[in-house]
Amino acid sequence: MVDEFVDEGFITTGIDRFMRILFDKKKVELTEVSKELNIPQETVEYWSYILENQGLIKISYTLTTVYLEWISS
């Protein structure tokens, strides 16, 4: 299921909103993004791997937390 909504005259998807959060906050916990977007953590993690492979974000792991950091210019 594709989650779409109209924002400022544009149709955006869940991954668009995800990228906007990362761009705006620069560094955020995976669980925080999952809650904010109301989507499963597994989906956020999958999207994160895709964006990391494209060189847009960096995924950092600590003992208990996964951080997502926007690195694209």
N, C-alpha and C. Protein backbone atom coordinates (compact mmCIF):
# COMPACT_ATOMS: atom_id res chain seq x y z
N MET A 1 0.84 -1.17 0.00
CA MET A 1 0.00 0.00 0.00
C MET A 1 0.88 1.24 0.00
N VAL A 2 0.62 2.15 -0.90
CA VAL A 2 1.36 3.40 -0.98
C VAL A 2 0.60 4.45 -0.22
N ASP A 3 1.27 5.07 0.72
CA ASP A 3 0.66 6.12 1.52
C ASP A 3 0.92 7.45 0.84
N GLU A 4 -0.13 8.05 0.28
CA GLU A 4 0.03 9.32 -0.41
C GLU A 4 -0.81 10.40 0.27
N PHE A 5 -0.34 11.61 0.22
CA PHE A 5 -1.10 12.74 0.71
C PHE A 5 -0.65 13.98 -0.04
N VAL A 6 -1.46 15.01 0.01
CA VAL A 6 -1.14 16.25 -0.68
C VAL A 6 -0.49 17.20 0.30
N ASP A 7 0.69 17.71 -0.06
CA ASP A 7 1.43 18.64 0.79
C ASP A 7 1.93 19.77 -0.08
N GLU A 8 1.48 20.97 0.20
CA GLU A 8 1.90 22.15 -0.55
C GLU A 8 1.67 21.99 -2.05
N GLY A 9 0.56 21.36 -2.44
CA GLY A 9 0.23 21.23 -3.84
C GLY A 9 0.91 20.07 -4.54
N PHE A 10 1.69 19.25 -3.82
CA PHE A 10 2.38 18.11 -4.42
C PHE A 10 1.89 16.83 -3.77
N ILE A 11 1.84 15.79 -4.55
CA ILE A 11 1.53 14.47 -4.00
C ILE A 11 2.84 13.85 -3.56
N THR A 12 2.88 13.40 -2.31
CA THR A 12 4.10 12.80 -1.78
C THR A 12 3.79 11.42 -1.22
N THR A 13 4.81 10.61 -1.12
CA THR A 13 4.66 9.26 -0.59
C THR A 13 5.34 9.18 0.78
N GLY A 14 5.24 8.02 1.40
CA GLY A 14 5.86 7.81 2.70
C GLY A 14 7.36 8.02 2.66
N ILE A 15 8.02 7.53 1.62
CA ILE A 15 9.47 7.69 1.54
C ILE A 15 9.84 9.15 1.31
N ASP A 16 8.98 9.91 0.64
CA ASP A 16 9.22 11.35 0.49
C ASP A 16 9.19 12.04 1.85
N ARG A 17 8.20 11.67 2.66
CA ARG A 17 8.11 12.25 4.01
C ARG A 17 9.29 11.82 4.86
N PHE A 18 9.71 10.57 4.71
CA PHE A 18 10.88 10.04 5.42
C PHE A 18 12.13 10.85 5.07
N MET A 19 12.35 11.06 3.79
CA MET A 19 13.51 11.83 3.36
C MET A 19 13.44 13.28 3.86
N ARG A 20 12.26 13.86 3.90
CA ARG A 20 12.10 15.24 4.39
C ARG A 20 12.47 15.31 5.87
N ILE A 21 12.05 14.34 6.66
CA ILE A 21 12.41 14.31 8.08
C ILE A 21 13.92 14.24 8.24
N LEU A 22 14.56 13.35 7.50
CA LEU A 22 16.02 13.22 7.59
C LEU A 22 16.72 14.49 7.15
N PHE A 23 16.24 15.09 6.08
CA PHE A 23 16.84 16.32 5.57
C PHE A 23 16.71 17.45 6.61
N ASP A 24 15.54 17.56 7.21
CA ASP A 24 15.28 18.64 8.18
C ASP A 24 16.02 18.43 9.50
N LYS A 25 16.03 17.21 10.01
CA LYS A 25 16.62 16.94 11.33
C LYS A 25 18.09 16.57 11.27
N LYS A 26 18.57 16.15 10.13
CA LYS A 26 19.96 15.74 9.88
C LYS A 26 20.34 14.42 10.56
N LYS A 27 19.93 14.19 11.80
CA LYS A 27 20.22 12.93 12.50
C LYS A 27 19.04 12.60 13.40
N VAL A 28 18.56 11.36 13.29
CA VAL A 28 17.37 10.97 14.03
C VAL A 28 17.42 9.46 14.31
N GLU A 29 16.75 9.04 15.37
CA GLU A 29 16.65 7.62 15.69
C GLU A 29 15.63 6.95 14.76
N LEU A 30 15.93 5.73 14.37
CA LEU A 30 15.03 4.98 13.50
C LEU A 30 13.64 4.85 14.13
N THR A 31 13.58 4.56 15.42
CA THR A 31 12.29 4.39 16.09
C THR A 31 11.47 5.67 16.09
N GLU A 32 12.15 6.82 16.21
CA GLU A 32 11.46 8.10 16.20
C GLU A 32 10.79 8.35 14.85
N VAL A 33 11.50 8.04 13.78
CA VAL A 33 10.93 8.22 12.44
C VAL A 33 9.75 7.28 12.24
N SER A 34 9.89 6.05 12.69
CA SER A 34 8.82 5.08 12.57
C SER A 34 7.55 5.57 13.26
N LYS A 35 7.70 6.10 14.45
CA LYS A 35 6.54 6.63 15.19
C LYS A 35 5.96 7.85 14.51
N GLU A 36 6.81 8.76 14.06
CA GLU A 36 6.35 9.99 13.43
C GLU A 36 5.58 9.71 12.15
N LEU A 37 6.04 8.73 11.38
CA LEU A 37 5.38 8.40 10.12
C LEU A 37 4.27 7.36 10.29
N ASN A 38 4.22 6.75 11.48
CA ASN A 38 3.24 5.71 11.77
C ASN A 38 3.37 4.53 10.79
N ILE A 39 4.61 4.09 10.59
CA ILE A 39 4.89 2.94 9.74
C ILE A 39 5.81 1.99 10.50
N PRO A 40 5.83 0.71 10.13
CA PRO A 40 6.66 -0.26 10.85
C PRO A 40 8.15 0.07 10.77
N GLN A 41 8.87 -0.25 11.83
CA GLN A 41 10.32 -0.02 11.87
C GLN A 41 11.03 -0.78 10.74
N GLU A 42 10.51 -1.94 10.39
CA GLU A 42 11.12 -2.72 9.32
C GLU A 42 11.08 -1.98 7.99
N THR A 43 10.01 -1.25 7.75
CA THR A 43 9.89 -0.46 6.52
C THR A 43 10.89 0.68 6.53
N VAL A 44 11.01 1.38 7.65
CA VAL A 44 11.98 2.48 7.76
C VAL A 44 13.39 1.94 7.57
N GLU A 45 13.67 0.78 8.15
CA GLU A 45 14.99 0.18 8.01
C GLU A 45 15.28 -0.18 6.55
N TYR A 46 14.30 -0.73 5.87
CA TYR A 46 14.46 -1.09 4.45
C TYR A 46 14.74 0.16 3.62
N TRP A 47 13.93 1.20 3.82
CA TRP A 47 14.15 2.46 3.10
C TRP A 47 15.52 3.02 3.41
N SER A 48 15.96 2.88 4.66
CA SER A 48 17.27 3.40 5.07
C SER A 48 18.39 2.71 4.31
N TYR A 49 18.29 1.39 4.16
CA TYR A 49 19.32 0.65 3.41
C TYR A 49 19.39 1.14 1.96
N ILE A 50 18.24 1.38 1.38
CA ILE A 50 18.20 1.88 -0.01
C ILE A 50 18.88 3.25 -0.10
N LEU A 51 18.53 4.16 0.81
CA LEU A 51 19.10 5.50 0.78
C LEU A 51 20.59 5.49 1.11
N GLU A 52 21.01 4.58 1.99
CA GLU A 52 22.43 4.47 2.30
C GLU A 52 23.20 3.97 1.07
N ASN A 53 22.66 3.00 0.36
CA ASN A 53 23.30 2.49 -0.85
C ASN A 53 23.40 3.55 -1.94
N GLN A 54 22.51 4.53 -1.91
CA GLN A 54 22.53 5.63 -2.87
C GLN A 54 23.43 6.79 -2.40
N GLY A 55 24.00 6.67 -1.21
CA GLY A 55 24.89 7.69 -0.69
C GLY A 55 24.20 8.91 -0.11
N LEU A 56 22.93 8.77 0.25
CA LEU A 56 22.18 9.92 0.78
C LEU A 56 22.21 9.99 2.30
N ILE A 57 22.27 8.83 2.95
CA ILE A 57 22.27 8.81 4.42
C ILE A 57 23.35 7.85 4.92
N LYS A 58 23.59 7.93 6.22
CA LYS A 58 24.50 7.00 6.91
C LYS A 58 23.72 6.36 8.04
N ILE A 59 23.83 5.05 8.17
CA ILE A 59 23.19 4.33 9.26
C ILE A 59 24.25 4.03 10.30
N SER A 60 23.99 4.42 11.56
CA SER A 60 24.92 4.18 12.66
C SER A 60 24.23 3.33 13.71
N TYR A 61 24.96 2.37 14.24
CA TYR A 61 24.42 1.46 15.25
C TYR A 61 25.14 1.66 16.57
N THR A 62 24.36 1.75 17.65
CA THR A 62 24.91 1.70 18.99
C THR A 62 24.37 0.43 19.63
N LEU A 63 24.65 0.24 20.88
CA LEU A 63 24.21 -0.97 21.56
C LEU A 63 22.69 -1.14 21.51
N THR A 64 21.95 -0.05 21.66
CA THR A 64 20.49 -0.14 21.75
C THR A 64 19.74 0.69 20.72
N THR A 65 20.43 1.48 19.92
CA THR A 65 19.75 2.43 19.04
C THR A 65 20.35 2.43 17.64
N VAL A 66 19.48 2.64 16.66
CA VAL A 66 19.91 2.82 15.28
C VAL A 66 19.66 4.28 14.92
N TYR A 67 20.71 4.97 14.45
CA TYR A 67 20.61 6.37 14.06
C TYR A 67 20.71 6.48 12.54
N LEU A 68 19.93 7.41 12.01
CA LEU A 68 19.95 7.70 10.58
C LEU A 68 20.41 9.14 10.42
N GLU A 69 21.42 9.34 9.58
CA GLU A 69 22.00 10.67 9.42
C GLU A 69 22.02 11.06 7.95
N TRP A 70 21.47 12.23 7.64
CA TRP A 70 21.46 12.76 6.28
C TRP A 70 22.86 13.25 5.95
N ILE A 71 23.47 12.74 4.87
CA ILE A 71 24.82 13.16 4.51
C ILE A 71 24.90 13.77 3.11
N SER A 72 23.80 13.70 2.37
CA SER A 72 23.80 14.26 1.02
C SER A 72 23.76 15.77 1.08
N SER A 73 24.39 16.41 0.11
CA SER A 73 24.39 17.88 0.11
C SER A 73 23.16 18.46 -0.52
